């Protein structure tokens, strides 16, 4: 009976650990805004500190140094990590994440967009097709918590 109880406790601990894992500052899911609500919450502001929950779309395949999060209606935002102090697993696409940090509206240069495309493993043709800077939401995360 003791062995069964220990196995149940061990199994519960391992499954809880597998469901949530974090990088950077330790954060919780509490008070996170859904990613689909983010554009409305930002309004006319150029930046804001916020905690957001959403689905990871894409991750830098070189080393996990950035990721993108779906915002709904074919929109997304790029997330980098404060002072490059941590990276995320390159297989994080499709996972639900909570991010905490600073959201900004910025113009991303053509050179930077091409660099991101290269990191994402895009083809030479896709990279060369990037010819215009892009106005986008960017997020510098202090912490990332994956929920699944």
C-alpha atoms as a PDB file:
ATOM      1  CA  UNK A   1       0.000   0.000   0.000  1.00  0.00           C
ATOM      2  CA  UNK A   2       2.864   2.348   0.845  1.00  0.00           C
ATOM      3  CA  UNK A   3       4.495   1.693  -2.514  1.00  0.00           C
ATOM      4  CA  UNK A   4       1.280   2.508  -4.372  1.00  0.00           C
ATOM      5  CA  UNK A   5       0.887   5.744  -2.439  1.00  0.00           C
ATOM      6  CA  UNK A   6       4.488   6.749  -3.209  1.00  0.00           C
ATOM      7  CA  UNK A   7       4.001   5.930  -6.895  1.00  0.00           C
ATOM      8  CA  UNK A   8       0.831   8.053  -7.007  1.00  0.00           C
ATOM      9  CA  UNK A   9       2.629  10.997  -5.384  1.00  0.00           C
ATOM     10  CA  UNK A  10       5.603  10.634  -7.711  1.00  0.00           C
ATOM     11  CA  UNK A  11       3.342  10.404 -10.751  1.00  0.00           C
ATOM     12  CA  UNK A  12       1.378  13.499  -9.691  1.00  0.00           C
ATOM     13  CA  UNK A  13       4.581  15.456  -9.133  1.00  0.00           C
ATOM     14  CA  UNK A  14       5.976  14.487 -12.532  1.00  0.00           C
ATOM     15  CA  UNK A  15       2.751  15.271 -14.383  1.00  0.00           C
ATOM     16  CA  UNK A  16       2.441  18.671 -12.672  1.00  0.00           C
ATOM     17  CA  UNK A  17       6.023  19.435 -13.583  1.00  0.00           C
ATOM     18  CA  UNK A  18       5.427  18.449 -17.217  1.00  0.00           C
ATOM     19  CA  UNK A  19       2.389  20.745 -17.515  1.00  0.00           C
ATOM     20  CA  UNK A  20       4.142  23.995 -16.543  1.00  0.00           C
ATOM     21  CA  UNK A  21       7.705  25.092 -17.103  1.00  0.00           C
ATOM     22  CA  UNK A  22       9.189  28.561 -17.060  1.00  0.00           C
ATOM     23  CA  UNK A  23      12.126  30.619 -18.285  1.00  0.00           C
ATOM     24  CA  UNK A  24      13.465  33.936 -17.025  1.00  0.00           C
ATOM     25  CA  UNK A  25      11.637  35.460 -14.062  1.00  0.00           C
ATOM     26  CA  UNK A  26       9.201  33.127 -12.334  1.00  0.00           C
ATOM     27  CA  UNK A  27       5.703  34.264 -13.236  1.00  0.00           C
ATOM     28  CA  UNK A  28       2.181  32.944 -12.757  1.00  0.00           C
ATOM     29  CA  UNK A  29      -0.877  32.805 -14.962  1.00  0.00           C
ATOM     30  CA  UNK A  30      -2.755  35.164 -12.599  1.00  0.00           C
ATOM     31  CA  UNK A  31      -4.120  38.366 -14.182  1.00  0.00           C
ATOM     32  CA  UNK A  32      -2.905  37.457 -17.682  1.00  0.00           C
ATOM     33  CA  UNK A  33      -4.761  39.134 -20.550  1.00  0.00           C
ATOM     34  CA  UNK A  34      -5.773  36.887 -23.451  1.00  0.00           C
ATOM     35  CA  UNK A  35      -3.657  37.631 -26.527  1.00  0.00           C
ATOM     36  CA  UNK A  36      -6.760  38.282 -28.633  1.00  0.00           C
ATOM     37  CA  UNK A  37      -7.635  41.195 -26.289  1.00  0.00           C
ATOM     38  CA  UNK A  38      -4.170  42.772 -26.395  1.00  0.00           C
ATOM     39  CA  UNK A  39      -4.617  45.173 -29.332  1.00  0.00           C
ATOM     40  CA  UNK A  40      -7.796  46.573 -27.775  1.00  0.00           C
ATOM     41  CA  UNK A  41      -6.106  47.011 -24.379  1.00  0.00           C
ATOM     42  CA  UNK A  42      -3.104  48.787 -25.927  1.00  0.00           C
ATOM     43  CA  UNK A  43      -5.300  51.295 -27.781  1.00  0.00           C
ATOM     44  CA  UNK A  44      -3.353  54.435 -28.708  1.00  0.00           C
ATOM     45  CA  UNK A  45      -0.543  53.788 -26.221  1.00  0.00           C
ATOM     46  CA  UNK A  46       2.924  53.225 -27.675  1.00  0.00           C
ATOM     47  CA  UNK A  47       3.978  50.867 -24.871  1.00  0.00           C
ATOM     48  CA  UNK A  48       2.727  49.165 -21.721  1.00  0.00           C
ATOM     49  CA  UNK A  49       3.818  46.640 -19.095  1.00  0.00           C
ATOM     50  CA  UNK A  50       1.523  43.617 -19.226  1.00  0.00           C
ATOM     51  CA  UNK A  51       1.106  39.863 -18.756  1.00  0.00           C
ATOM     52  CA  UNK A  52      -0.345  38.002 -21.759  1.00  0.00           C
ATOM     53  CA  UNK A  53      -1.540  34.430 -22.392  1.00  0.00           C
ATOM     54  CA  UNK A  54      -1.649  33.027 -25.906  1.00  0.00           C
ATOM     55  CA  UNK A  55      -0.515  30.445 -28.422  1.00  0.00           C
ATOM     56  CA  UNK A  56       3.078  30.375 -29.658  1.00  0.00           C
ATOM     57  CA  UNK A  57       3.136  30.404 -33.459  1.00  0.00           C
ATOM     58  CA  UNK A  58       6.799  30.288 -34.341  1.00  0.00           C
ATOM     59  CA  UNK A  59      10.151  30.005 -32.533  1.00  0.00           C
ATOM     60  CA  UNK A  60      13.674  30.901 -33.650  1.00  0.00           C
ATOM     61  CA  UNK A  61      15.045  27.610 -34.919  1.00  0.00           C
ATOM     62  CA  UNK A  62      18.661  28.677 -34.384  1.00  0.00           C
ATOM     63  CA  UNK A  63      18.535  28.806 -30.578  1.00  0.00           C
ATOM     64  CA  UNK A  64      15.080  29.838 -29.303  1.00  0.00           C
ATOM     65  CA  UNK A  65      16.055  33.519 -28.972  1.00  0.00           C
ATOM     66  CA  UNK A  66      12.602  34.811 -30.057  1.00  0.00           C
ATOM     67  CA  UNK A  67       9.077  33.560 -30.659  1.00  0.00           C
ATOM     68  CA  UNK A  68       5.826  34.880 -32.078  1.00  0.00           C
ATOM     69  CA  UNK A  69       2.388  34.736 -30.457  1.00  0.00           C
ATOM     70  CA  UNK A  70      -0.960  34.681 -32.248  1.00  0.00           C
ATOM     71  CA  UNK A  71      -3.181  37.705 -31.601  1.00  0.00           C
ATOM     72  CA  UNK A  72      -6.154  36.558 -33.698  1.00  0.00           C
ATOM     73  CA  UNK A  73      -7.406  37.847 -37.065  1.00  0.00           C
ATOM     74  CA  UNK A  74      -4.135  36.827 -38.776  1.00  0.00           C
ATOM     75  CA  UNK A  75      -2.087  39.088 -36.488  1.00  0.00           C
ATOM     76  CA  UNK A  76       0.841  38.160 -34.296  1.00  0.00           C
ATOM     77  CA  UNK A  77       3.587  39.772 -32.223  1.00  0.00           C
ATOM     78  CA  UNK A  78       7.280  39.017 -31.903  1.00  0.00           C
ATOM     79  CA  UNK A  79       8.645  38.264 -28.447  1.00  0.00           C
ATOM     80  CA  UNK A  80      12.275  38.598 -27.458  1.00  0.00           C
ATOM     81  CA  UNK A  81      13.747  37.992 -24.038  1.00  0.00           C
ATOM     82  CA  UNK A  82      15.086  40.683 -21.726  1.00  0.00           C
ATOM     83  CA  UNK A  83      18.820  41.232 -22.192  1.00  0.00           C
ATOM     84  CA  UNK A  84      18.957  37.872 -24.036  1.00  0.00           C
ATOM     85  CA  UNK A  85      19.048  36.453 -20.516  1.00  0.00           C
ATOM     86  CA  UNK A  86      17.182  33.278 -21.477  1.00  0.00           C
ATOM     87  CA  UNK A  87      15.866  31.392 -24.497  1.00  0.00           C
ATOM     88  CA  UNK A  88      12.942  29.013 -25.003  1.00  0.00           C
ATOM     89  CA  UNK A  89      12.861  25.494 -26.480  1.00  0.00           C
ATOM     90  CA  UNK A  90      12.806  25.509 -30.277  1.00  0.00           C
ATOM     91  CA  UNK A  91       9.908  23.021 -30.244  1.00  0.00           C
ATOM     92  CA  UNK A  92       7.530  25.422 -28.427  1.00  0.00           C
ATOM     93  CA  UNK A  93       5.330  26.202 -31.446  1.00  0.00           C
ATOM     94  CA  UNK A  94       1.668  25.457 -30.766  1.00  0.00           C
ATOM     95  CA  UNK A  95       2.072  25.596 -26.994  1.00  0.00           C
ATOM     96  CA  UNK A  96       0.170  27.945 -24.692  1.00  0.00           C
ATOM     97  CA  UNK A  97       2.406  30.475 -22.952  1.00  0.00           C
ATOM     98  CA  UNK A  98       2.088  33.307 -20.464  1.00  0.00           C
ATOM     99  CA  UNK A  99       4.561  36.131 -21.004  1.00  0.00           C
ATOM    100  CA  UNK A 100       5.249  39.094 -18.769  1.00  0.00           C
ATOM    101  CA  UNK A 101       7.092  42.232 -19.804  1.00  0.00           C
ATOM    102  CA  UNK A 102       6.932  45.332 -21.991  1.00  0.00           C
ATOM    103  CA  UNK A 103       4.792  45.631 -25.126  1.00  0.00           C
ATOM    104  CA  UNK A 104       5.679  48.297 -27.724  1.00  0.00           C
ATOM    105  CA  UNK A 105       4.577  49.446 -31.156  1.00  0.00           C
ATOM    106  CA  UNK A 106       7.700  49.627 -33.365  1.00  0.00           C
ATOM    107  CA  UNK A 107       8.882  49.784 -36.955  1.00  0.00           C
ATOM    108  CA  UNK A 108      11.037  46.731 -37.719  1.00  0.00           C
ATOM    109  CA  UNK A 109      13.713  47.311 -40.364  1.00  0.00           C
ATOM    110  CA  UNK A 110      14.096  45.219 -43.505  1.00  0.00           C
ATOM    111  CA  UNK A 111      17.473  43.913 -42.276  1.00  0.00           C
ATOM    112  CA  UNK A 112      15.952  42.771 -38.986  1.00  0.00           C
ATOM    113  CA  UNK A 113      12.961  41.163 -40.729  1.00  0.00           C
ATOM    114  CA  UNK A 114      15.345  39.258 -43.026  1.00  0.00           C
ATOM    115  CA  UNK A 115      17.383  38.150 -40.004  1.00  0.00           C
ATOM    116  CA  UNK A 116      14.221  36.826 -38.299  1.00  0.00           C
ATOM    117  CA  UNK A 117      13.183  35.038 -41.501  1.00  0.00           C
ATOM    118  CA  UNK A 118      16.604  33.386 -41.700  1.00  0.00           C
ATOM    119  CA  UNK A 119      16.366  32.345 -38.014  1.00  0.00           C
ATOM    120  CA  UNK A 120      12.943  30.845 -38.747  1.00  0.00           C
ATOM    121  CA  UNK A 121      14.394  28.697 -41.534  1.00  0.00           C
ATOM    122  CA  UNK A 122      12.613  30.498 -44.391  1.00  0.00           C
ATOM    123  CA  UNK A 123      13.746  29.899 -47.966  1.00  0.00           C
ATOM    124  CA  UNK A 124      16.079  32.259 -49.815  1.00  0.00           C
ATOM    125  CA  UNK A 125      13.147  33.354 -52.004  1.00  0.00           C
ATOM    126  CA  UNK A 126      11.033  34.211 -48.947  1.00  0.00           C
ATOM    127  CA  UNK A 127      13.887  36.175 -47.392  1.00  0.00           C
ATOM    128  CA  UNK A 128      14.620  38.108 -50.597  1.00  0.00           C
ATOM    129  CA  UNK A 129      10.906  38.984 -50.919  1.00  0.00           C
ATOM    130  CA  UNK A 130      11.166  41.128 -47.768  1.00  0.00           C
ATOM    131  CA  UNK A 131      11.631  44.658 -49.083  1.00  0.00           C
ATOM    132  CA  UNK A 132       9.635  46.938 -46.758  1.00  0.00           C
ATOM    133  CA  UNK A 133       9.920  47.738 -43.043  1.00  0.00           C
ATOM    134  CA  UNK A 134       6.984  46.557 -40.956  1.00  0.00           C
ATOM    135  CA  UNK A 135       5.004  48.297 -38.221  1.00  0.00           C
ATOM    136  CA  UNK A 136       4.386  45.683 -35.555  1.00  0.00           C
ATOM    137  CA  UNK A 137       3.866  44.912 -31.912  1.00  0.00           C
ATOM    138  CA  UNK A 138       7.004  43.694 -30.177  1.00  0.00           C
ATOM    139  CA  UNK A 139       7.248  42.307 -26.679  1.00  0.00           C
ATOM    140  CA  UNK A 140      10.335  42.082 -24.460  1.00  0.00           C
ATOM    141  CA  UNK A 141       9.585  39.356 -21.921  1.00  0.00           C
ATOM    142  CA  UNK A 142      11.007  39.224 -18.394  1.00  0.00           C
ATOM    143  CA  UNK A 143       9.548  35.754 -17.952  1.00  0.00           C
ATOM    144  CA  UNK A 144       7.786  33.017 -19.905  1.00  0.00           C
ATOM    145  CA  UNK A 145       5.574  30.284 -18.458  1.00  0.00           C
ATOM    146  CA  UNK A 146       4.499  27.399 -20.720  1.00  0.00           C
ATOM    147  CA  UNK A 147       1.244  25.795 -19.669  1.00  0.00           C
ATOM    148  CA  UNK A 148       1.371  22.618 -21.776  1.00  0.00           C
END
